[in-house]
mmCIF file of all heavy atoms, coordinates in Angstrom:
data_MODEL
# 
_entry.id   MODEL 
# 
loop_
_atom_site.group_PDB 
_atom_site.id 
_atom_site.type_symbol 
_atom_site.label_atom_id 
_atom_site.label_alt_id 
_atom_site.label_comp_id 
_atom_site.label_asym_id 
_atom_site.label_entity_id 
_atom_site.label_seq_id 
_atom_site.pdbx_PDB_ins_code 
_atom_site.Cartn_x 
_atom_site.Cartn_y 
_atom_site.Cartn_z 
_atom_site.occupancy 
_atom_site.B_iso_or_equiv 
_atom_site.pdbx_formal_charge 
_atom_site.auth_seq_id 
_atom_site.auth_comp_id 
_atom_site.auth_asym_id 
_atom_site.auth_atom_id 
_atom_site.pdbx_PDB_model_num 
ATOM 1   N N   . ALA A 1 1  ? -11.660 5.049  10.653  1.00 0.00 ? 1  ALA A N   1 
ATOM 2   C CA  . ALA A 1 1  ? -11.115 3.820  10.057  1.00 0.00 ? 1  ALA A CA  1 
ATOM 3   C C   . ALA A 1 1  ? -10.911 4.037  8.565   1.00 0.00 ? 1  ALA A C   1 
ATOM 4   O O   . ALA A 1 1  ? -11.575 3.454  7.714   1.00 0.00 ? 1  ALA A O   1 
ATOM 5   C CB  . ALA A 1 1  ? -12.050 2.648  10.321  1.00 0.00 ? 1  ALA A CB  1 
ATOM 6   N N   . ASP A 1 2  ? -9.956  4.928  8.250   1.00 0.00 ? 2  ASP A N   1 
ATOM 7   C CA  . ASP A 1 2  ? -9.534  5.192  6.876   1.00 0.00 ? 2  ASP A CA  1 
ATOM 8   C C   . ASP A 1 2  ? -8.265  4.376  6.635   1.00 0.00 ? 2  ASP A C   1 
ATOM 9   O O   . ASP A 1 2  ? -7.201  4.676  7.217   1.00 0.00 ? 2  ASP A O   1 
ATOM 10  C CB  . ASP A 1 2  ? -9.250  6.677  6.669   1.00 0.00 ? 2  ASP A CB  1 
ATOM 11  C CG  . ASP A 1 2  ? -10.492 7.544  6.791   1.00 0.00 ? 2  ASP A CG  1 
ATOM 12  O OD1 . ASP A 1 2  ? -11.600 6.983  6.890   1.00 0.00 ? 2  ASP A OD1 1 
ATOM 13  O OD2 . ASP A 1 2  ? -10.359 8.785  6.771   1.00 0.00 ? 2  ASP A OD2 1 
ATOM 14  N N   . LEU A 1 3  ? -8.384  3.352  5.791   1.00 0.00 ? 3  LEU A N   1 
ATOM 15  C CA  . LEU A 1 3  ? -7.302  2.378  5.628   1.00 0.00 ? 3  LEU A CA  1 
ATOM 16  C C   . LEU A 1 3  ? -7.056  2.098  4.153   1.00 0.00 ? 3  LEU A C   1 
ATOM 17  O O   . LEU A 1 3  ? -7.955  2.215  3.326   1.00 0.00 ? 3  LEU A O   1 
ATOM 18  C CB  . LEU A 1 3  ? -7.672  1.065  6.324   1.00 0.00 ? 3  LEU A CB  1 
ATOM 19  C CG  . LEU A 1 3  ? -8.149  1.139  7.775   1.00 0.00 ? 3  LEU A CG  1 
ATOM 20  C CD1 . LEU A 1 3  ? -8.706  -0.205 8.218   1.00 0.00 ? 3  LEU A CD1 1 
ATOM 21  C CD2 . LEU A 1 3  ? -7.015  1.591  8.693   1.00 0.00 ? 3  LEU A CD2 1 
ATOM 22  N N   . VAL A 1 4  ? -5.817  1.697  3.858   1.00 0.00 ? 4  VAL A N   1 
ATOM 23  C CA  . VAL A 1 4  ? -5.450  1.300  2.500   1.00 0.00 ? 4  VAL A CA  1 
ATOM 24  C C   . VAL A 1 4  ? -4.684  -0.015 2.564   1.00 0.00 ? 4  VAL A C   1 
ATOM 25  O O   . VAL A 1 4  ? -3.739  -0.147 3.352   1.00 0.00 ? 4  VAL A O   1 
ATOM 26  C CB  . VAL A 1 4  ? -4.574  2.373  1.814   1.00 0.00 ? 4  VAL A CB  1 
ATOM 27  C CG1 . VAL A 1 4  ? -4.184  1.928  0.411   1.00 0.00 ? 4  VAL A CG1 1 
ATOM 28  C CG2 . VAL A 1 4  ? -5.311  3.707  1.755   1.00 0.00 ? 4  VAL A CG2 1 
ATOM 29  N N   . VAL A 1 5  ? -5.104  -0.974 1.749   1.00 0.00 ? 5  VAL A N   1 
ATOM 30  C CA  . VAL A 1 5  ? -4.409  -2.256 1.660   1.00 0.00 ? 5  VAL A CA  1 
ATOM 31  C C   . VAL A 1 5  ? -3.490  -2.205 0.436   1.00 0.00 ? 5  VAL A C   1 
ATOM 32  O O   . VAL A 1 5  ? -3.943  -1.920 -0.677  1.00 0.00 ? 5  VAL A O   1 
ATOM 33  C CB  . VAL A 1 5  ? -5.400  -3.430 1.534   1.00 0.00 ? 5  VAL A CB  1 
ATOM 34  C CG1 . VAL A 1 5  ? -4.639  -4.756 1.508   1.00 0.00 ? 5  VAL A CG1 1 
ATOM 35  C CG2 . VAL A 1 5  ? -6.406  -3.409 2.689   1.00 0.00 ? 5  VAL A CG2 1 
ATOM 36  N N   . LEU A 1 6  ? -2.202  -2.504 0.652   1.00 0.00 ? 6  LEU A N   1 
ATOM 37  C CA  . LEU A 1 6  ? -1.204  -2.446 -0.415  1.00 0.00 ? 6  LEU A CA  1 
ATOM 38  C C   . LEU A 1 6  ? -0.728  -3.840 -0.797  1.00 0.00 ? 6  LEU A C   1 
ATOM 39  O O   . LEU A 1 6  ? -0.832  -4.791 -0.022  1.00 0.00 ? 6  LEU A O   1 
ATOM 40  C CB  . LEU A 1 6  ? 0.003   -1.615 0.025   1.00 0.00 ? 6  LEU A CB  1 
ATOM 41  C CG  . LEU A 1 6  ? -0.226  -0.141 0.359   1.00 0.00 ? 6  LEU A CG  1 
ATOM 42  C CD1 . LEU A 1 6  ? 1.093   0.500  0.784   1.00 0.00 ? 6  LEU A CD1 1 
ATOM 43  C CD2 . LEU A 1 6  ? -0.808  0.607  -0.835  1.00 0.00 ? 6  LEU A CD2 1 
ATOM 44  N N   . SER A 1 7  ? -0.140  -3.906 -1.984  1.00 0.00 ? 7  SER A N   1 
ATOM 45  C CA  . SER A 1 7  ? 0.367   -5.182 -2.481  1.00 0.00 ? 7  SER A CA  1 
ATOM 46  C C   . SER A 1 7  ? 1.638   -5.624 -1.777  1.00 0.00 ? 7  SER A C   1 
ATOM 47  O O   . SER A 1 7  ? 1.994   -6.807 -1.807  1.00 0.00 ? 7  SER A O   1 
ATOM 48  C CB  . SER A 1 7  ? 0.626   -5.092 -3.987  1.00 0.00 ? 7  SER A CB  1 
ATOM 49  O OG  . SER A 1 7  ? 1.524   -4.022 -4.279  1.00 0.00 ? 7  SER A OG  1 
ATOM 50  N N   . ASP A 1 8  ? 2.349   -4.690 -1.137  1.00 0.00 ? 8  ASP A N   1 
ATOM 51  C CA  . ASP A 1 8  ? 3.589   -5.043 -0.424  1.00 0.00 ? 8  ASP A CA  1 
ATOM 52  C C   . ASP A 1 8  ? 3.895   -3.937 0.573   1.00 0.00 ? 8  ASP A C   1 
ATOM 53  O O   . ASP A 1 8  ? 3.190   -2.928 0.651   1.00 0.00 ? 8  ASP A O   1 
ATOM 54  C CB  . ASP A 1 8  ? 4.745   -5.236 -1.417  1.00 0.00 ? 8  ASP A CB  1 
ATOM 55  C CG  . ASP A 1 8  ? 5.780   -6.248 -0.922  1.00 0.00 ? 8  ASP A CG  1 
ATOM 56  O OD1 . ASP A 1 8  ? 5.924   -6.404 0.313   1.00 0.00 ? 8  ASP A OD1 1 
ATOM 57  O OD2 . ASP A 1 8  ? 6.435   -6.882 -1.771  1.00 0.00 ? 8  ASP A OD2 1 
ATOM 58  N N   . ASN A 1 9  ? 4.961   -4.135 1.327   1.00 0.00 ? 9  ASN A N   1 
ATOM 59  C CA  . ASN A 1 9  ? 5.321   -3.229 2.413   1.00 0.00 ? 9  ASN A CA  1 
ATOM 60  C C   . ASN A 1 9  ? 6.326   -2.179 1.927   1.00 0.00 ? 9  ASN A C   1 
ATOM 61  O O   . ASN A 1 9  ? 7.472   -2.511 1.616   1.00 0.00 ? 9  ASN A O   1 
ATOM 62  C CB  . ASN A 1 9  ? 5.917   -4.045 3.563   1.00 0.00 ? 9  ASN A CB  1 
ATOM 63  C CG  . ASN A 1 9  ? 6.143   -3.206 4.803   1.00 0.00 ? 9  ASN A CG  1 
ATOM 64  O OD1 . ASN A 1 9  ? 6.222   -1.980 4.753   1.00 0.00 ? 9  ASN A OD1 1 
ATOM 65  N ND2 . ASN A 1 9  ? 6.264   -3.869 5.945   1.00 0.00 ? 9  ASN A ND2 1 
ATOM 66  N N   . PRO A 1 10 ? 5.951   -0.919 1.853   1.00 0.00 ? 10 PRO A N   1 
ATOM 67  C CA  . PRO A 1 10 ? 6.871   0.108  1.355   1.00 0.00 ? 10 PRO A CA  1 
ATOM 68  C C   . PRO A 1 10 ? 8.080   0.333  2.251   1.00 0.00 ? 10 PRO A C   1 
ATOM 69  O O   . PRO A 1 10 ? 9.072   0.910  1.802   1.00 0.00 ? 10 PRO A O   1 
ATOM 70  C CB  . PRO A 1 10 ? 5.998   1.370  1.291   1.00 0.00 ? 10 PRO A CB  1 
ATOM 71  C CG  . PRO A 1 10 ? 4.916   1.124  2.300   1.00 0.00 ? 10 PRO A CG  1 
ATOM 72  C CD  . PRO A 1 10 ? 4.642   -0.344 2.238   1.00 0.00 ? 10 PRO A CD  1 
ATOM 73  N N   . LEU A 1 11 ? 8.001   -0.137 3.491   1.00 0.00 ? 11 LEU A N   1 
ATOM 74  C CA  . LEU A 1 11 ? 9.121   0.069  4.416   1.00 0.00 ? 11 LEU A CA  1 
ATOM 75  C C   . LEU A 1 11 ? 10.207  -0.975 4.261   1.00 0.00 ? 11 LEU A C   1 
ATOM 76  O O   . LEU A 1 11 ? 11.342  -0.761 4.718   1.00 0.00 ? 11 LEU A O   1 
ATOM 77  C CB  . LEU A 1 11 ? 8.618   0.073  5.867   1.00 0.00 ? 11 LEU A CB  1 
ATOM 78  C CG  . LEU A 1 11 ? 7.457   0.996  6.217   1.00 0.00 ? 11 LEU A CG  1 
ATOM 79  C CD1 . LEU A 1 11 ? 7.269   1.025  7.732   1.00 0.00 ? 11 LEU A CD1 1 
ATOM 80  C CD2 . LEU A 1 11 ? 7.666   2.389  5.663   1.00 0.00 ? 11 LEU A CD2 1 
ATOM 81  N N   . THR A 1 12 ? 9.884   -2.103 3.634   1.00 0.00 ? 12 THR A N   1 
ATOM 82  C CA  . THR A 1 12 ? 10.862  -3.195 3.591   1.00 0.00 ? 12 THR A CA  1 
ATOM 83  C C   . THR A 1 12 ? 11.294  -3.584 2.174   1.00 0.00 ? 12 THR A C   1 
ATOM 84  O O   . THR A 1 12 ? 12.308  -4.252 2.015   1.00 0.00 ? 12 THR A O   1 
ATOM 85  C CB  . THR A 1 12 ? 10.293  -4.443 4.289   1.00 0.00 ? 12 THR A CB  1 
ATOM 86  O OG1 . THR A 1 12 ? 9.065   -4.820 3.658   1.00 0.00 ? 12 THR A OG1 1 
ATOM 87  C CG2 . THR A 1 12 ? 10.036  -4.161 5.759   1.00 0.00 ? 12 THR A CG2 1 
ATOM 88  N N   . ILE A 1 13 ? 10.539  -3.191 1.161   1.00 0.00 ? 13 ILE A N   1 
ATOM 89  C CA  . ILE A 1 13 ? 10.940  -3.551 -0.202  1.00 0.00 ? 13 ILE A CA  1 
ATOM 90  C C   . ILE A 1 13 ? 12.072  -2.639 -0.670  1.00 0.00 ? 13 ILE A C   1 
ATOM 91  O O   . ILE A 1 13 ? 12.391  -1.625 -0.042  1.00 0.00 ? 13 ILE A O   1 
ATOM 92  C CB  . ILE A 1 13 ? 9.752   -3.458 -1.187  1.00 0.00 ? 13 ILE A CB  1 
ATOM 93  C CG1 . ILE A 1 13 ? 9.212   -2.021 -1.247  1.00 0.00 ? 13 ILE A CG1 1 
ATOM 94  C CG2 . ILE A 1 13 ? 8.659   -4.434 -0.814  1.00 0.00 ? 13 ILE A CG2 1 
ATOM 95  C CD1 . ILE A 1 13 ? 8.166   -1.814 -2.324  1.00 0.00 ? 13 ILE A CD1 1 
ATOM 96  N N   . ASP A 1 14 ? 12.682  -2.985 -1.787  1.00 0.00 ? 14 ASP A N   1 
ATOM 97  C CA  . ASP A 1 14 ? 13.691  -2.134 -2.410  1.00 0.00 ? 14 ASP A CA  1 
ATOM 98  C C   . ASP A 1 14 ? 13.066  -0.759 -2.665  1.00 0.00 ? 14 ASP A C   1 
ATOM 99  O O   . ASP A 1 14 ? 11.996  -0.667 -3.281  1.00 0.00 ? 14 ASP A O   1 
ATOM 100 C CB  . ASP A 1 14 ? 14.127  -2.764 -3.732  1.00 0.00 ? 14 ASP A CB  1 
ATOM 101 C CG  . ASP A 1 14 ? 15.206  -1.963 -4.457  1.00 0.00 ? 14 ASP A CG  1 
ATOM 102 O OD1 . ASP A 1 14 ? 15.431  -0.783 -4.123  1.00 0.00 ? 14 ASP A OD1 1 
ATOM 103 O OD2 . ASP A 1 14 ? 15.811  -2.526 -5.400  1.00 0.00 ? 14 ASP A OD2 1 
ATOM 104 N N   . PRO A 1 15 ? 13.682  0.330  -2.195  1.00 0.00 ? 15 PRO A N   1 
ATOM 105 C CA  . PRO A 1 15 ? 13.106  1.661  -2.398  1.00 0.00 ? 15 PRO A CA  1 
ATOM 106 C C   . PRO A 1 15 ? 12.766  1.974  -3.856  1.00 0.00 ? 15 PRO A C   1 
ATOM 107 O O   . PRO A 1 15 ? 11.819  2.713  -4.131  1.00 0.00 ? 15 PRO A O   1 
ATOM 108 C CB  . PRO A 1 15 ? 14.190  2.597  -1.858  1.00 0.00 ? 15 PRO A CB  1 
ATOM 109 C CG  . PRO A 1 15 ? 14.907  1.784  -0.828  1.00 0.00 ? 15 PRO A CG  1 
ATOM 110 C CD  . PRO A 1 15 ? 14.913  0.382  -1.376  1.00 0.00 ? 15 PRO A CD  1 
ATOM 111 N N   . GLN A 1 16 ? 13.517  1.393  -4.778  1.00 0.00 ? 16 GLN A N   1 
ATOM 112 C CA  . GLN A 1 16 ? 13.232  1.629  -6.189  1.00 0.00 ? 16 GLN A CA  1 
ATOM 113 C C   . GLN A 1 16 ? 11.913  0.983  -6.621  1.00 0.00 ? 16 GLN A C   1 
ATOM 114 O O   . GLN A 1 16 ? 11.327  1.367  -7.634  1.00 0.00 ? 16 GLN A O   1 
ATOM 115 C CB  . GLN A 1 16 ? 14.371  1.107  -7.065  1.00 0.00 ? 16 GLN A CB  1 
ATOM 116 C CG  . GLN A 1 16 ? 15.603  1.991  -7.089  1.00 0.00 ? 16 GLN A CG  1 
ATOM 117 C CD  . GLN A 1 16 ? 15.366  3.331  -7.783  1.00 0.00 ? 16 GLN A CD  1 
ATOM 118 O OE1 . GLN A 1 16 ? 14.418  3.494  -8.533  1.00 0.00 ? 16 GLN A OE1 1 
ATOM 119 N NE2 . GLN A 1 16 ? 16.225  4.303  -7.507  1.00 0.00 ? 16 GLN A NE2 1 
ATOM 120 N N   . ALA A 1 17 ? 11.453  0.009  -5.858  1.00 0.00 ? 17 ALA A N   1 
ATOM 121 C CA  . ALA A 1 17 ? 10.222  -0.709 -6.213  1.00 0.00 ? 17 ALA A CA  1 
ATOM 122 C C   . ALA A 1 17 ? 8.972   -0.061 -5.635  1.00 0.00 ? 17 ALA A C   1 
ATOM 123 O O   . ALA A 1 17 ? 7.864   -0.517 -5.913  1.00 0.00 ? 17 ALA A O   1 
ATOM 124 C CB  . ALA A 1 17 ? 10.321  -2.162 -5.743  1.00 0.00 ? 17 ALA A CB  1 
ATOM 125 N N   . ILE A 1 18 ? 9.126   0.999  -4.858  1.00 0.00 ? 18 ILE A N   1 
ATOM 126 C CA  . ILE A 1 18 ? 7.957   1.639  -4.229  1.00 0.00 ? 18 ILE A CA  1 
ATOM 127 C C   . ILE A 1 18 ? 6.958   2.104  -5.282  1.00 0.00 ? 18 ILE A C   1 
ATOM 128 O O   . ILE A 1 18 ? 5.742   1.981  -5.101  1.00 0.00 ? 18 ILE A O   1 
ATOM 129 C CB  . ILE A 1 18 ? 8.406   2.805  -3.325  1.00 0.00 ? 18 ILE A CB  1 
ATOM 130 C CG1 . ILE A 1 18 ? 9.137   2.258  -2.088  1.00 0.00 ? 18 ILE A CG1 1 
ATOM 131 C CG2 . ILE A 1 18 ? 7.217   3.655  -2.893  1.00 0.00 ? 18 ILE A CG2 1 
ATOM 132 C CD1 . ILE A 1 18 ? 9.756   3.325  -1.200  1.00 0.00 ? 18 ILE A CD1 1 
ATOM 133 N N   . LYS A 1 19 ? 7.463   2.595  -6.399  1.00 0.00 ? 19 LYS A N   1 
ATOM 134 C CA  . LYS A 1 19 ? 6.561   3.106  -7.443  1.00 0.00 ? 19 LYS A CA  1 
ATOM 135 C C   . LYS A 1 19 ? 5.728   2.000  -8.090  1.00 0.00 ? 19 LYS A C   1 
ATOM 136 O O   . LYS A 1 19 ? 4.720   2.283  -8.759  1.00 0.00 ? 19 LYS A O   1 
ATOM 137 C CB  . LYS A 1 19 ? 7.355   3.848  -8.521  1.00 0.00 ? 19 LYS A CB  1 
ATOM 138 C CG  . LYS A 1 19 ? 8.267   2.984  -9.367  1.00 0.00 ? 19 LYS A CG  1 
ATOM 139 C CD  . LYS A 1 19 ? 9.045   3.826  -10.359 1.00 0.00 ? 19 LYS A CD  1 
ATOM 140 C CE  . LYS A 1 19 ? 9.852   2.990  -11.335 1.00 0.00 ? 19 LYS A CE  1 
ATOM 141 N NZ  . LYS A 1 19 ? 10.748  2.030  -10.710 1.00 0.00 ? 19 LYS A NZ  1 
ATOM 142 N N   . ASP A 1 20 ? 6.132   0.757  -7.883  1.00 0.00 ? 20 ASP A N   1 
ATOM 143 C CA  . ASP A 1 20 ? 5.408   -0.372 -8.481  1.00 0.00 ? 20 ASP A CA  1 
ATOM 144 C C   . ASP A 1 20 ? 4.365   -0.966 -7.538  1.00 0.00 ? 20 ASP A C   1 
ATOM 145 O O   . ASP A 1 20 ? 3.656   -1.905 -7.913  1.00 0.00 ? 20 ASP A O   1 
ATOM 146 C CB  . ASP A 1 20 ? 6.401   -1.458 -8.892  1.00 0.00 ? 20 ASP A CB  1 
ATOM 147 C CG  . ASP A 1 20 ? 7.449   -0.938 -9.871  1.00 0.00 ? 20 ASP A CG  1 
ATOM 148 O OD1 . ASP A 1 20 ? 7.053   -0.191 -10.787 1.00 0.00 ? 20 ASP A OD1 1 
ATOM 149 O OD2 . ASP A 1 20 ? 8.641   -1.256 -9.700  1.00 0.00 ? 20 ASP A OD2 1 
ATOM 150 N N   . LEU A 1 21 ? 4.271   -0.436 -6.326  1.00 0.00 ? 21 LEU A N   1 
ATOM 151 C CA  . LEU A 1 21 ? 3.243   -0.901 -5.393  1.00 0.00 ? 21 LEU A CA  1 
ATOM 152 C C   . LEU A 1 21 ? 1.856   -0.626 -5.949  1.00 0.00 ? 21 LEU A C   1 
ATOM 153 O O   . LEU A 1 21 ? 1.644   0.330  -6.705  1.00 0.00 ? 21 LEU A O   1 
ATOM 154 C CB  . LEU A 1 21 ? 3.394   -0.204 -4.040  1.00 0.00 ? 21 LEU A CB  1 
ATOM 155 C CG  . LEU A 1 21 ? 4.606   -0.597 -3.186  1.00 0.00 ? 21 LEU A CG  1 
ATOM 156 C CD1 . LEU A 1 21 ? 4.746   0.346  -2.006  1.00 0.00 ? 21 LEU A CD1 1 
ATOM 157 C CD2 . LEU A 1 21 ? 4.469   -2.029 -2.715  1.00 0.00 ? 21 LEU A CD2 1 
ATOM 158 N N   . VAL A 1 22 ? 0.905   -1.441 -5.550  1.00 0.00 ? 22 VAL A N   1 
ATOM 159 C CA  . VAL A 1 22 ? -0.462  -1.321 -6.053  1.00 0.00 ? 22 VAL A CA  1 
ATOM 160 C C   . VAL A 1 22 ? -1.433  -1.188 -4.880  1.00 0.00 ? 22 VAL A C   1 
ATOM 161 O O   . VAL A 1 22 ? -1.306  -1.900 -3.877  1.00 0.00 ? 22 VAL A O   1 
ATOM 162 C CB  . VAL A 1 22 ? -0.827  -2.552 -6.902  1.00 0.00 ? 22 VAL A CB  1 
ATOM 163 C CG1 . VAL A 1 22 ? -2.296  -2.514 -7.311  1.00 0.00 ? 22 VAL A CG1 1 
ATOM 164 C CG2 . VAL A 1 22 ? 0.064   -2.642 -8.137  1.00 0.00 ? 22 VAL A CG2 1 
ATOM 165 N N   . VAL A 1 23 ? -2.372  -0.266 -5.014  1.00 0.00 ? 23 VAL A N   1 
ATOM 166 C CA  . VAL A 1 23 ? -3.458  -0.157 -4.041  1.00 0.00 ? 23 VAL A CA  1 
ATOM 167 C C   . VAL A 1 23 ? -4.468  -1.264 -4.342  1.00 0.00 ? 23 VAL A C   1 
ATOM 168 O O   . VAL A 1 23 ? -5.043  -1.313 -5.427  1.00 0.00 ? 23 VAL A O   1 
ATOM 169 C CB  . VAL A 1 23 ? -4.134  1.220  -4.118  1.00 0.00 ? 23 VAL A CB  1 
ATOM 170 C CG1 . VAL A 1 23 ? -5.387  1.254  -3.236  1.00 0.00 ? 23 VAL A CG1 1 
ATOM 171 C CG2 . VAL A 1 23 ? -3.161  2.317  -3.691  1.00 0.00 ? 23 VAL A CG2 1 
ATOM 172 N N   . LEU A 1 24 ? -4.671  -2.156 -3.374  1.00 0.00 ? 24 LEU A N   1 
ATOM 173 C CA  . LEU A 1 24 ? -5.617  -3.261 -3.551  1.00 0.00 ? 24 LEU A CA  1 
ATOM 174 C C   . LEU A 1 24 ? -7.014  -2.913 -3.048  1.00 0.00 ? 24 LEU A C   1 
ATOM 175 O O   . LEU A 1 24 ? -8.013  -3.398 -3.593  1.00 0.00 ? 24 LEU A O   1 
ATOM 176 C CB  . LEU A 1 24 ? -5.108  -4.505 -2.814  1.00 0.00 ? 24 LEU A CB  1 
ATOM 177 C CG  . LEU A 1 24 ? -3.737  -5.035 -3.242  1.00 0.00 ? 24 LEU A CG  1 
ATOM 178 C CD1 . LEU A 1 24 ? -3.340  -6.229 -2.383  1.00 0.00 ? 24 LEU A CD1 1 
ATOM 179 C CD2 . LEU A 1 24 ? -3.737  -5.399 -4.714  1.00 0.00 ? 24 LEU A CD2 1 
ATOM 180 N N   . GLU A 1 25 ? -7.065  -2.085 -2.005  1.00 0.00 ? 25 GLU A N   1 
ATOM 181 C CA  . GLU A 1 25 ? -8.358  -1.736 -1.432  1.00 0.00 ? 25 GLU A CA  1 
ATOM 182 C C   . GLU A 1 25 ? -8.238  -0.425 -0.665  1.00 0.00 ? 25 GLU A C   1 
ATOM 183 O O   . GLU A 1 25 ? -7.220  -0.166 -0.018  1.00 0.00 ? 25 GLU A O   1 
ATOM 184 C CB  . GLU A 1 25 ? -8.834  -2.844 -0.485  1.00 0.00 ? 25 GLU A CB  1 
ATOM 185 C CG  . GLU A 1 25 ? -10.232 -2.657 0.070   1.00 0.00 ? 25 GLU A CG  1 
ATOM 186 C CD  . GLU A 1 25 ? -10.701 -3.850 0.897   1.00 0.00 ? 25 GLU A CD  1 
ATOM 187 O OE1 . GLU A 1 25 ? -9.931  -4.836 1.024   1.00 0.00 ? 25 GLU A OE1 1 
ATOM 188 O OE2 . GLU A 1 25 ? -11.828 -3.803 1.403   1.00 0.00 ? 25 GLU A OE2 1 
ATOM 189 N N   . THR A 1 26 ? -9.273  0.406  -0.773  1.00 0.00 ? 26 THR A N   1 
ATOM 190 C CA  . THR A 1 26 ? -9.333  1.647  -0.005  1.00 0.00 ? 26 THR A CA  1 
ATOM 191 C C   . THR A 1 26 ? -10.605 1.633  0.830   1.00 0.00 ? 26 THR A C   1 
ATOM 192 O O   . THR A 1 26 ? -11.696 1.382  0.320   1.00 0.00 ? 26 THR A O   1 
ATOM 193 C CB  . THR A 1 26 ? -9.319  2.877  -0.931  1.00 0.00 ? 26 THR A CB  1 
ATOM 194 O OG1 . THR A 1 26 ? -8.126  2.848  -1.732  1.00 0.00 ? 26 THR A OG1 1 
ATOM 195 C CG2 . THR A 1 26 ? -9.348  4.170  -0.126  1.00 0.00 ? 26 THR A CG2 1 
ATOM 196 N N   . ILE A 1 27 ? -10.450 1.911  2.118   1.00 0.00 ? 27 ILE A N   1 
ATOM 197 C CA  . ILE A 1 27 ? -11.540 1.815  3.087   1.00 0.00 ? 27 ILE A CA  1 
ATOM 198 C C   . ILE A 1 27 ? -11.733 3.180  3.724   1.00 0.00 ? 27 ILE A C   1 
ATOM 199 O O   . ILE A 1 27 ? -10.778 3.766  4.256   1.00 0.00 ? 27 ILE A O   1 
ATOM 200 C CB  . ILE A 1 27 ? -11.203 0.762  4.162   1.00 0.00 ? 27 ILE A CB  1 
ATOM 201 C CG1 . ILE A 1 27 ? -11.025 -0.619 3.507   1.00 0.00 ? 27 ILE A CG1 1 
ATOM 202 C CG2 . ILE A 1 27 ? -12.263 0.727  5.249   1.00 0.00 ? 27 ILE A CG2 1 
ATOM 203 C CD1 . ILE A 1 27 ? -10.074 -1.524 4.235   1.00 0.00 ? 27 ILE A CD1 1 
ATOM 204 N N   . LYS A 1 28 ? -12.941 3.706  3.649   1.00 0.00 ? 28 LYS A N   1 
ATOM 205 C CA  . LYS A 1 28 ? -13.264 5.006  4.247   1.00 0.00 ? 28 LYS A CA  1 
ATOM 206 C C   . LYS A 1 28 ? -14.261 4.803  5.374   1.00 0.00 ? 28 LYS A C   1 
ATOM 207 O O   . LYS A 1 28 ? -15.374 4.334  5.159   1.00 0.00 ? 28 LYS A O   1 
ATOM 208 C CB  . LYS A 1 28 ? -13.843 5.946  3.189   1.00 0.00 ? 28 LYS A CB  1 
ATOM 209 C CG  . LYS A 1 28 ? -14.225 7.320  3.740   1.00 0.00 ? 28 LYS A CG  1 
ATOM 210 C CD  . LYS A 1 28 ? -12.987 8.150  4.057   1.00 0.00 ? 28 LYS A CD  1 
ATOM 211 C CE  . LYS A 1 28 ? -13.371 9.521  4.576   1.00 0.00 ? 28 LYS A CE  1 
ATOM 212 N NZ  . LYS A 1 28 ? -13.042 9.730  5.968   1.00 0.00 ? 28 LYS A NZ  1 
ATOM 213 N N   . GLU A 1 29 ? -13.799 5.092  6.587   1.00 0.00 ? 29 GLU A N   1 
ATOM 214 C CA  . GLU A 1 29 ? -14.633 4.948  7.784   1.00 0.00 ? 29 GLU A CA  1 
ATOM 215 C C   . GLU A 1 29 ? -15.255 3.548  7.856   1.00 0.00 ? 29 GLU A C   1 
ATOM 216 O O   . GLU A 1 29 ? -16.450 3.374  8.109   1.00 0.00 ? 29 GLU A O   1 
ATOM 217 C CB  . GLU A 1 29 ? -15.696 6.051  7.827   1.00 0.00 ? 29 GLU A CB  1 
ATOM 218 C CG  . GLU A 1 29 ? -15.053 7.423  7.983   1.00 0.00 ? 29 GLU A CG  1 
ATOM 219 C CD  . GLU A 1 29 ? -16.020 8.589  7.921   1.00 0.00 ? 29 GLU A CD  1 
ATOM 220 O OE1 . GLU A 1 29 ? -17.190 8.406  8.323   1.00 0.00 ? 29 GLU A OE1 1 
ATOM 221 O OE2 . GLU A 1 29 ? -15.609 9.671  7.476   1.00 0.00 ? 29 GLU A OE2 1 
ATOM 222 N N   . GLY A 1 30 ? -14.407 2.569  7.608   1.00 0.00 ? 30 GLY A N   1 
ATOM 223 C CA  . GLY A 1 30 ? -14.811 1.176  7.749   1.00 0.00 ? 30 GLY A CA  1 
ATOM 224 C C   . GLY A 1 30 ? -15.495 0.568  6.546   1.00 0.00 ? 30 GLY A C   1 
ATOM 225 O O   . GLY A 1 30 ? -15.761 -0.640 6.531   1.00 0.00 ? 30 GLY A O   1 
# 
């Protein structure tokens, strides 16, 4: 259960905005 919560969806936002995404939470093995 290695998971990352992001501020938005990199698959649906403007590709130019991907660099502005923010990691909100990182989860290692739950």
